[in-house]
Protein backbone atom coordinates (compact mmCIF):
# COMPACT_ATOMS: atom_id res chain seq x y z
CA MET A 1 -11.90 -17.27 12.37
CA ARG A 2 -8.25 -15.40 10.68
CA ARG A 3 -5.19 -16.60 11.75
CA LEU A 4 -2.52 -13.75 12.14
CA VAL A 5 1.04 -14.45 10.99
CA THR A 6 3.70 -12.84 13.49
CA ALA A 7 5.66 -10.17 11.88
CA THR A 8 9.22 -10.90 11.73
CA ARG A 9 12.60 -9.04 12.19
CA SER A 10 15.36 -9.88 9.46
CA ILE A 11 18.57 -9.15 10.80
CA ALA A 12 21.41 -8.84 7.72
CA LEU A 13 23.19 -5.33 7.40
CA GLY A 14 20.97 -3.60 10.04
CA ALA A 15 17.70 -5.40 10.36
CA THR A 16 14.49 -4.32 8.76
CA VAL A 17 10.86 -5.44 10.01
CA LEU A 18 9.18 -6.91 7.12
CA VAL A 19 5.72 -8.46 6.97
CA GLY A 20 3.53 -11.00 4.74
CA LEU A 21 0.40 -8.73 5.94
CA LEU A 22 -1.57 -11.45 7.11
CA ALA A 23 -1.20 -14.94 5.71
CA GLY A 24 -4.20 -17.97 6.05
CA CYS A 25 -7.00 -15.28 5.45
CA GLU A 26 -9.46 -16.73 2.51
CA SER A 27 -8.09 -14.99 -0.84
CA THR A 28 -10.56 -13.90 -3.19
CA PRO A 29 -9.39 -15.17 -6.59
CA PRO A 30 -9.93 -12.27 -9.52
CA ASP A 31 -12.81 -13.48 -11.33
CA HIS A 32 -10.95 -12.45 -14.78
CA ALA A 33 -7.26 -11.61 -15.48
CA PHE A 34 -7.03 -7.68 -13.99
CA LEU A 35 -4.55 -5.98 -17.30
CA PRO A 36 -2.43 -2.92 -16.61
CA TRP A 37 -4.54 -1.34 -19.13
CA ASP A 38 -7.97 -2.43 -17.62
CA VAL A 39 -8.50 1.08 -15.55
CA GLU A 40 -11.77 2.74 -14.84
CA VAL A 41 -12.11 6.17 -13.01
CA ASN A 42 -15.86 5.93 -10.57
CA ASP A 43 -18.49 8.50 -10.27
CA SER A 44 -16.32 9.53 -7.37
CA GLY A 45 -13.12 10.18 -9.04
CA GLN A 46 -11.24 6.98 -7.36
CA VAL A 47 -9.14 4.87 -10.19
CA GLU A 48 -10.27 1.16 -9.87
CA VAL A 49 -7.23 -1.01 -11.37
CA PHE A 50 -6.28 -4.75 -10.42
CA GLY A 51 -9.04 -5.16 -8.66
CA VAL A 52 -8.74 -2.68 -6.50
CA THR A 53 -9.66 0.76 -5.50
CA LEU A 54 -7.50 3.72 -4.94
CA GLY A 55 -7.77 5.53 -1.83
CA GLU A 56 -11.19 2.78 -0.65
CA SER A 57 -9.27 -0.78 -0.75
CA SER A 58 -6.58 -1.44 1.77
CA LEU A 59 -3.50 -3.07 1.29
CA LEU A 60 -4.63 -6.26 3.20
CA ASP A 61 -7.46 -5.94 0.51
CA PHE A 62 -4.60 -6.02 -2.50
CA LYS A 63 -2.55 -9.32 -0.76
CA ARG A 64 -6.19 -11.21 -0.18
CA ARG A 65 -6.99 -10.56 -3.72
CA TYR A 66 -4.17 -11.87 -5.31
CA ASP A 67 -3.38 -13.95 -2.06
CA GLN A 68 0.23 -12.93 -2.02
CA LYS A 69 2.90 -11.95 0.77
CA ALA A 70 4.47 -7.95 0.92
CA ASP A 71 7.47 -6.46 2.39
CA LEU A 72 6.06 -4.22 4.31
CA ALA A 73 7.90 -0.76 5.57
CA MET A 74 8.55 2.87 5.85
CA PHE A 75 11.07 4.82 3.15
CA ALA A 76 12.23 8.30 4.39
CA LYS A 77 13.44 9.68 0.51
CA PRO A 78 15.45 12.94 0.80
CA GLY A 79 13.58 16.09 0.55
CA GLU A 80 10.10 14.02 0.29
CA PRO A 81 7.96 13.27 3.63
CA LEU A 82 8.24 9.99 4.75
CA SER A 83 5.98 6.88 2.86
CA LEU A 84 4.75 3.75 3.67
CA GLU A 85 5.24 1.15 0.83
CA ALA A 86 4.08 -2.73 0.28
CA PHE A 87 6.06 -4.42 -2.00
CA PHE A 88 4.87 -7.42 -3.54
CA GLY A 89 8.54 -8.58 -5.53
CA ARG A 90 7.58 -10.41 -8.62
CA MET A 91 4.15 -11.85 -9.07
CA ASN A 92 1.50 -12.72 -11.17
CA VAL A 93 -1.28 -10.41 -11.76
CA GLY A 94 -4.05 -12.01 -13.89
CA PRO A 95 -1.08 -13.96 -17.12
CA LEU A 96 1.15 -11.33 -16.52
CA SER A 97 4.30 -11.34 -14.64
CA ALA A 98 5.30 -8.11 -12.51
CA LYS A 99 6.94 -6.48 -9.69
CA VAL A 100 4.02 -4.67 -7.50
CA ILE A 101 4.74 -1.58 -5.12
CA LEU A 102 1.58 -0.06 -2.87
CA VAL A 103 2.10 3.36 -1.78
CA ALA A 104 -0.32 3.67 1.30
CA ASP A 105 -2.22 7.26 1.93
CA VAL A 106 -1.34 7.68 5.54
CA GLU A 107 -1.53 10.90 7.99
CA GLN A 108 2.24 12.23 8.09
CA GLU A 109 1.61 12.42 12.25
CA THR A 110 1.41 8.72 11.93
CA LEU A 111 4.09 7.69 10.29
CA GLU A 112 6.21 9.85 12.55
CA ARG A 113 5.15 8.19 15.59
CA TRP A 114 6.12 4.97 13.64
CA ALA A 115 9.47 6.24 12.67
CA GLU A 116 10.24 7.34 16.63
CA GLU A 117 10.09 3.92 17.36
CA SER A 118 12.32 2.78 14.55
CA ARG A 119 15.79 1.72 15.62
CA ILE A 120 17.49 0.77 12.16
CA ALA A 121 17.35 2.87 8.80
CA ASP A 122 18.95 0.76 6.18
CA PRO A 123 20.42 2.47 3.10
CA THR A 124 18.58 1.74 -0.22
CA PRO A 125 20.32 1.61 -3.93
CA SER A 126 17.67 4.90 -4.58
CA GLY A 127 19.34 6.84 -1.45
CA ALA A 128 15.99 6.34 0.61
CA ARG A 129 16.62 4.92 4.04
CA LYS A 130 14.44 1.78 4.83
CA LEU A 131 12.93 2.15 8.70
CA SER A 132 11.94 -0.78 10.42
CA MET A 133 8.95 -1.17 11.81
CA SER A 134 7.37 -2.19 14.99
CA ASP A 135 5.05 -5.40 15.14
CA GLU A 136 2.41 -3.18 16.74
CA ALA A 137 3.30 -0.98 13.81
CA LEU A 138 2.97 -3.07 11.29
CA LEU A 139 -0.47 -4.63 12.26
CA GLU A 140 -1.86 -1.07 11.75
CA ALA A 141 -0.11 0.14 8.56
CA GLN A 142 -1.99 -3.45 6.97
CA ASP A 143 -5.24 -1.46 6.98
CA GLN A 144 -4.17 1.86 5.94
CA PRO A 145 -5.90 3.15 2.43
CA ILE A 146 -3.68 2.77 -1.06
CA ARG A 147 -3.00 5.79 -2.83
CA SER A 148 -0.92 4.59 -5.42
CA ILE A 149 0.31 1.80 -7.24
CA SER A 150 3.83 0.76 -9.33
CA TYR A 151 3.50 -1.94 -11.79
CA ALA A 152 6.80 -3.03 -12.79
CA PRO A 153 6.53 -5.41 -15.82
CA SER A 154 9.00 -8.04 -16.56
CA ALA A 155 7.79 -7.80 -20.33
CA ASP A 156 9.48 -4.15 -22.44
CA TYR A 157 6.14 -3.28 -24.18
CA GLU A 158 6.10 -1.82 -27.45
CA GLU A 159 5.31 2.21 -27.73
CA GLU A 160 2.60 0.90 -30.19
CA LEU A 161 0.91 -1.55 -27.58
CA ILE A 162 1.00 1.12 -24.98
CA THR A 163 -0.47 3.66 -27.55
CA ARG A 164 -3.24 0.95 -28.40
CA ARG A 165 -4.37 -0.14 -24.87
CA PHE A 166 -4.14 3.05 -23.53
CA GLY A 167 -4.42 5.58 -26.03
CA GLU A 168 -2.39 8.51 -27.40
CA PRO A 169 -0.90 10.28 -23.70
CA ALA A 170 -2.17 14.03 -23.49
CA GLU A 171 1.12 15.10 -22.69
CA LYS A 172 4.82 13.25 -23.01
CA ARG A 173 7.51 14.70 -20.59
CA PRO A 174 11.10 14.17 -20.76
CA ILE A 175 12.13 12.75 -17.39
CA PRO A 176 15.90 14.81 -16.75
CA ARG A 177 18.88 12.42 -16.84
CA GLY A 178 21.76 12.00 -13.74
CA GLU A 179 24.70 13.86 -14.90
CA ARG A 180 26.83 10.57 -15.85
CA ASP A 181 24.02 9.81 -18.24
CA GLN A 182 23.67 12.86 -20.11
CA ASP A 183 24.48 11.24 -22.93
CA GLU A 184 21.91 9.04 -23.33
CA PRO A 185 18.15 10.29 -24.81
CA PRO A 186 15.90 10.89 -21.69
CA ALA A 187 13.27 8.37 -20.95
CA MET A 188 9.62 9.74 -21.40
CA LEU A 189 6.72 10.52 -19.30
CA TRP A 190 3.59 9.86 -20.98
CA LEU A 191 0.60 11.44 -19.07
CA TYR A 192 -3.03 10.27 -18.88
CA PRO A 193 -4.32 12.39 -16.25
CA GLU A 194 -7.99 11.68 -16.89
CA LYS A 195 -7.29 8.49 -15.87
CA GLY A 196 -4.47 9.23 -13.24
CA VAL A 197 -1.60 7.25 -15.00
CA ALA A 198 1.69 7.78 -15.44
CA ILE A 199 4.03 5.57 -18.28
CA THR A 200 7.61 5.93 -17.87
CA VAL A 201 8.73 4.72 -21.62
CA GLU A 202 12.75 4.41 -22.29
CA GLU A 203 13.93 2.50 -25.23
CA ASP A 204 15.76 -0.50 -24.86
CA ASP A 205 14.62 -0.59 -20.82
CA LYS A 206 11.34 -1.48 -19.12
CA GLU A 207 8.03 0.46 -18.85
CA LEU A 208 6.94 1.62 -15.21
CA PHE A 209 3.50 2.17 -15.25
CA GLN A 210 1.96 4.73 -11.90
CA TYR A 211 -1.55 4.92 -10.80
CA ILE A 212 -3.24 7.04 -8.90
CA ASN A 213 -6.55 9.26 -7.99
CA PRO A 214 -6.44 12.10 -10.64
CA GLU A 215 -6.67 14.77 -8.36
CA ASP A 216 -3.09 13.76 -6.97
CA PHE A 217 -1.73 13.12 -10.50
CA ASP A 218 -0.09 16.53 -10.96
CA GLN A 219 2.03 15.17 -7.05
CA LEU A 220 2.97 11.68 -8.59
CA VAL A 221 4.23 13.34 -11.67
CA GLU A 222 6.32 16.45 -9.96
CA ARG A 223 8.06 13.30 -8.12
CA THR A 224 8.56 11.52 -11.09
CA LEU A 225 9.95 14.67 -12.97
CA GLY A 226 12.29 15.10 -10.15
CA GLY A 227 13.41 11.38 -9.92
CA GLN A 228 11.65 10.20 -7.07
CA PRO A 229 8.67 8.25 -7.63
CA GLU A 230 6.59 7.02 -6.26
CA GLY A 231 6.08 2.96 -5.46
CA ASP A 232 10.41 3.22 -7.06
CA PRO A 233 11.90 -0.37 -7.92
CA ALA A 234 15.02 0.98 -7.17
CA ALA A 235 14.49 1.60 -3.32
CA HIS A 236 13.75 -2.17 -2.62
């Protein structure tokens, strides 16, 4: 029988409810080391990566596969709809280490219902507000399907390695800098629309890999170029 771990409230600078999703469930160790370039699109147009299927596998499915706890919270970003994100922090995905963030596919009506129960909104470095969630909302949230995955590796990948593993991108687009960083060269967004992959490549900095089903790819690109990537590590 599955044993639920009770969600706890953390009180610091205005508390937010965090959850380890479910602990104590039987995990299913990956049968091989999934790597960031192991990406396939199935016959239904869904991206398969890191052992899960976007739009089908749930937040809990990912947690059980890697036997990792996650902080689960809603985010309110300026000019953006509410989002539900699971932050796994630094973890091993196969032989590689990375911060992993899952963005869930949740109806806005459901997110607004949860937000009405929120009593705390903590600011984050990205400008987003992190909303607290009730224990009931957290348990409901963990079964939501994964919309997108952000993968921020510990290592800095050379452009040659990215090209060798992913192939030449369909397009490279500059990501506009903020006013205070105008003198620095822009980061580039490498686009692989058929694979549902967008990679932020920046000189002397680490990359950000984003995965989403191809039908939603344009939305992800638009948000990233606007400075609001899905699953932004800066918001955690």
